Protein backbone atom coordinates (compact mmCIF):
# COMPACT_ATOMS: atom_id res chain seq x y z
CA MET A 1 121.34 82.19 -13.78
CA ILE A 2 123.14 79.75 -11.42
CA ASP A 3 121.71 76.50 -12.35
CA LEU A 4 121.01 74.61 -8.21
CA THR A 5 119.41 71.88 -9.42
CA GLY A 6 122.51 69.01 -8.32
CA THR A 7 124.33 67.62 -5.66
CA HIS A 8 125.19 69.56 -2.52
CA GLU A 9 128.48 69.81 -3.62
CA GLU A 10 127.68 71.22 -6.91
CA ASN A 11 125.14 73.83 -6.67
CA MET A 12 128.24 75.16 -4.30
CA ALA A 13 130.91 74.80 -7.09
CA ALA A 14 128.14 76.82 -8.89
CA ILE A 15 128.11 79.45 -7.06
CA ALA A 16 131.57 80.14 -6.64
CA SER A 17 131.73 80.49 -9.85
CA ALA A 18 129.56 82.45 -11.77
CA PRO A 19 130.05 85.69 -12.50
CA ILE A 20 128.48 88.17 -9.80
CA SER A 21 129.59 89.81 -6.49
CA GLU A 22 131.24 88.36 -3.74
CA GLY A 23 128.69 89.67 -1.90
CA PHE A 24 125.73 88.18 -3.79
CA LYS A 25 126.93 84.89 -3.47
CA ALA A 26 127.40 85.41 -0.01
CA HIS A 27 123.67 85.94 -0.23
CA ILE A 28 122.66 82.98 -2.41
CA ARG A 29 124.55 80.40 -0.31
CA LYS A 30 122.13 81.69 3.23
CA ASP A 31 119.44 81.71 0.94
CA TYR A 32 120.36 77.94 -0.69
CA GLN A 33 121.75 76.91 3.56
CA LYS A 34 117.59 78.78 4.20
CA GLN A 35 115.92 76.67 2.08
CA CYS A 36 117.95 73.49 2.70
CA ASP A 37 116.81 73.21 6.28
CA GLU A 38 113.71 73.70 5.85
CA LEU A 39 113.90 71.19 3.62
CA ASN A 40 115.17 69.18 6.37
CA ILE A 41 113.45 70.21 9.06
CA GLU A 42 109.62 68.90 6.57
CA LEU A 43 111.31 65.44 5.85
CA ASP A 44 112.03 64.98 9.40
CA SER A 45 108.73 65.18 10.13
CA ILE A 46 107.45 64.10 7.69
CA PHE A 47 109.54 60.45 8.08
CA SER A 48 109.95 60.76 11.89
CA LYS A 49 106.12 59.62 12.76
CA ASP A 50 105.98 56.14 13.88
CA LEU A 51 103.22 55.09 10.70
CA ASP A 52 101.92 52.00 12.42
CA ILE A 53 100.43 54.60 15.51
CA GLU A 54 99.73 57.35 12.35
CA HIS A 55 96.76 54.37 11.14
CA GLU A 56 95.75 53.54 14.93
CA LYS A 57 95.22 56.85 15.50
CA ASN A 58 92.96 57.53 11.75
CA SER A 59 91.73 54.26 11.87
CA ILE A 60 87.81 52.95 13.40
CA PRO A 61 87.57 50.13 15.58
CA ILE A 62 85.81 47.10 13.65
CA ASN A 63 83.25 46.95 16.24
CA GLU A 64 81.65 51.01 16.13
CA ILE A 65 81.37 49.51 12.42
CA VAL A 66 79.79 45.77 12.59
CA PRO A 67 76.76 46.50 14.03
CA LYS A 68 76.70 44.27 17.84
CA GLY A 69 76.04 40.26 16.88
CA MET A 70 76.65 40.92 13.34
CA THR A 71 79.76 39.15 12.02
CA ILE A 72 82.07 40.73 9.90
CA LYS A 73 81.12 38.39 6.80
CA LYS A 74 77.71 38.83 7.40
CA TYR A 75 78.48 42.68 7.38
CA TYR A 76 80.43 42.78 4.65
CA SER A 77 78.02 40.95 2.59
CA LYS A 78 76.54 40.65 -1.14
CA GLU A 79 73.32 41.21 0.60
CA GLN A 80 73.99 43.59 3.87
CA ARG A 81 75.81 46.34 1.32
CA LEU A 82 72.57 46.35 -1.35
CA LEU A 83 70.48 47.52 1.79
CA ARG A 84 73.14 50.21 3.36
CA GLY A 85 73.07 51.49 -0.35
CA GLU A 86 76.51 50.59 -1.23
CA SER A 87 78.52 49.58 -4.51
CA ILE A 88 78.99 45.51 -4.46
CA SER A 89 80.80 45.92 -7.69
CA TYR A 90 84.77 46.65 -6.25
CA MET A 91 84.79 43.58 -3.78
CA LYS A 92 84.78 40.60 -3.15
CA PHE A 93 84.71 39.01 0.82
CA ASP A 94 84.65 35.33 0.95
């Protein structure tokens, strides 16, 4: 068994010192590099997103929630939330 849980250099050293054939070592190195490349692509796609833009795309504008003519404070008041059947124990709005 080859332990490939260390750094890239440690993993390459573990493969090099493993008691297996050079052909199998080459296969393991190739597979290991493929997995590293796939992980880097996934990480790049996760961290390359602008979170502000993502938040804006997934947000509902407040004017689509609060009825016209009602203030935000009134909309989130205890009475209005009770009328809508919402739980009032989780939110305090001053």
